[in-house]
Amino acid sequence: MKAKQSKDNPFDIIDRRVEWVEFEYQAGRGSKHQLVDYAKRYKLMSAIALDRNVTPTVVEAMAYLLNMGGECES
């Protein structure tokens, strides 16, 4: 999975979510609510995609439900 990551944002969306959100917010790339929501959905989808016991169909369904399809495309 690859998050929507601005090239100038030095923070990792998984390990430093709060800093990632604050940086994106200060850069005017969305509201805090939208950015926090995206970061939480990304973390959940990333965990689902990394689970080796999950079938591709489940990953596709969760990506659809979490609106993370673009992040899961190869």
C-alpha atoms as a PDB file:
ATOM      1  CA  MET A   1       0.000   0.000   0.000  1.00  0.00           C
ATOM      2  CA  LYS A   2       1.092   3.515  -0.687  1.00  0.00           C
ATOM      3  CA  ALA A   3      -0.462   6.473   1.100  1.00  0.00           C
ATOM      4  CA  LYS A   4      -1.160   9.792  -0.542  1.00  0.00           C
ATOM      5  CA  GLN A   5       2.118  11.299   0.616  1.00  0.00           C
ATOM      6  CA  SER A   6       3.246  14.804  -0.228  1.00  0.00           C
ATOM      7  CA  LYS A   7       6.920  14.862  -1.160  1.00  0.00           C
ATOM      8  CA  ASP A   8       7.613  17.632   1.337  1.00  0.00           C
ATOM      9  CA  ASN A   9       5.998  15.852   4.310  1.00  0.00           C
ATOM     10  CA  PRO A  10       8.819  14.200   6.291  1.00  0.00           C
ATOM     11  CA  PHE A  11       6.496  12.295   8.661  1.00  0.00           C
ATOM     12  CA  ASP A  12       5.386   8.683   8.264  1.00  0.00           C
ATOM     13  CA  ILE A  13       1.594   8.336   8.269  1.00  0.00           C
ATOM     14  CA  ILE A  14       1.738   5.123  10.336  1.00  0.00           C
ATOM     15  CA  ASP A  15       4.452   5.873  12.896  1.00  0.00           C
ATOM     16  CA  ARG A  16       3.886   9.616  13.314  1.00  0.00           C
ATOM     17  CA  ARG A  17       0.244  10.145  12.397  1.00  0.00           C
ATOM     18  CA  VAL A  18      -0.296  13.264  14.531  1.00  0.00           C
ATOM     19  CA  GLU A  19       2.717  15.018  13.027  1.00  0.00           C
ATOM     20  CA  TRP A  20       1.727  13.865   9.528  1.00  0.00           C
ATOM     21  CA  VAL A  21      -1.765  15.325   9.964  1.00  0.00           C
ATOM     22  CA  GLU A  22      -0.463  18.595  11.408  1.00  0.00           C
ATOM     23  CA  PHE A  23       2.023  19.027   8.555  1.00  0.00           C
ATOM     24  CA  GLU A  24      -0.633  18.384   5.900  1.00  0.00           C
ATOM     25  CA  TYR A  25      -3.075  20.694   7.676  1.00  0.00           C
ATOM     26  CA  GLN A  26      -0.537  23.519   7.925  1.00  0.00           C
ATOM     27  CA  ALA A  27       0.200  23.073   4.208  1.00  0.00           C
ATOM     28  CA  GLY A  28      -3.520  23.593   3.496  1.00  0.00           C
ATOM     29  CA  ARG A  29      -4.171  20.106   2.149  1.00  0.00           C
ATOM     30  CA  GLY A  30      -7.428  19.529   3.978  1.00  0.00           C
ATOM     31  CA  SER A  31      -9.264  19.956   7.224  1.00  0.00           C
ATOM     32  CA  LYS A  32      -7.914  18.294  10.342  1.00  0.00           C
ATOM     33  CA  HIS A  33     -10.992  16.088  10.470  1.00  0.00           C
ATOM     34  CA  GLN A  34     -10.462  14.863   6.876  1.00  0.00           C
ATOM     35  CA  LEU A  35      -6.749  14.287   7.406  1.00  0.00           C
ATOM     36  CA  VAL A  36      -7.196  12.418  10.702  1.00  0.00           C
ATOM     37  CA  ASP A  37      -9.925  10.297   9.103  1.00  0.00           C
ATOM     38  CA  TYR A  38      -7.687   9.486   6.134  1.00  0.00           C
ATOM     39  CA  ALA A  39      -4.726   8.580   8.368  1.00  0.00           C
ATOM     40  CA  LYS A  40      -6.877   6.264  10.505  1.00  0.00           C
ATOM     41  CA  ARG A  41      -8.419   4.570   7.442  1.00  0.00           C
ATOM     42  CA  TYR A  42      -4.963   4.176   5.902  1.00  0.00           C
ATOM     43  CA  LYS A  43      -3.559   2.568   9.052  1.00  0.00           C
ATOM     44  CA  LEU A  44      -6.481   0.125   9.219  1.00  0.00           C
ATOM     45  CA  MET A  45      -6.273  -0.733   5.518  1.00  0.00           C
ATOM     46  CA  SER A  46      -2.518  -1.190   5.764  1.00  0.00           C
ATOM     47  CA  ALA A  47      -2.954  -3.631   8.652  1.00  0.00           C
ATOM     48  CA  ILE A  48      -5.572  -5.560   6.676  1.00  0.00           C
ATOM     49  CA  ALA A  49      -3.366  -5.705   3.571  1.00  0.00           C
ATOM     50  CA  LEU A  50      -0.378  -6.961   5.589  1.00  0.00           C
ATOM     51  CA  ASP A  51      -2.321  -9.776   7.266  1.00  0.00           C
ATOM     52  CA  ARG A  52      -1.278 -12.902   5.409  1.00  0.00           C
ATOM     53  CA  ASN A  53      -4.481 -14.744   6.335  1.00  0.00           C
ATOM     54  CA  VAL A  54      -6.717 -12.320   4.451  1.00  0.00           C
ATOM     55  CA  THR A  55      -7.841 -13.274   0.975  1.00  0.00           C
ATOM     56  CA  PRO A  56      -7.487 -10.781  -1.890  1.00  0.00           C
ATOM     57  CA  THR A  57     -11.283 -10.584  -2.032  1.00  0.00           C
ATOM     58  CA  VAL A  58     -11.457  -9.415   1.591  1.00  0.00           C
ATOM     59  CA  VAL A  59      -8.720  -6.843   0.938  1.00  0.00           C
ATOM     60  CA  GLU A  60     -10.634  -5.562  -2.108  1.00  0.00           C
ATOM     61  CA  ALA A  61     -13.885  -5.388  -0.144  1.00  0.00           C
ATOM     62  CA  MET A  62     -12.287  -3.536   2.762  1.00  0.00           C
ATOM     63  CA  ALA A  63     -10.507  -1.145   0.373  1.00  0.00           C
ATOM     64  CA  TYR A  64     -13.885  -0.376  -1.176  1.00  0.00           C
ATOM     65  CA  LEU A  65     -15.589   0.100   2.190  1.00  0.00           C
ATOM     66  CA  LEU A  66     -12.773   2.290   3.515  1.00  0.00           C
ATOM     67  CA  ASN A  67     -12.496   4.213   0.229  1.00  0.00           C
ATOM     68  CA  MET A  68      -8.834   3.177  -0.068  1.00  0.00           C
ATOM     69  CA  GLY A  69      -8.888   1.503  -3.485  1.00  0.00           C
ATOM     70  CA  GLY A  70      -6.333   3.834  -5.049  1.00  0.00           C
ATOM     71  CA  GLU A  71      -3.860   3.148  -2.278  1.00  0.00           C
ATOM     72  CA  CYS A  72      -4.083  -0.621  -2.827  1.00  0.00           C
ATOM     73  CA  GLU A  73      -3.600  -0.631  -6.593  1.00  0.00           C
ATOM     74  CA  SER A  74      -0.304  -2.004  -7.850  1.00  0.00           C
END
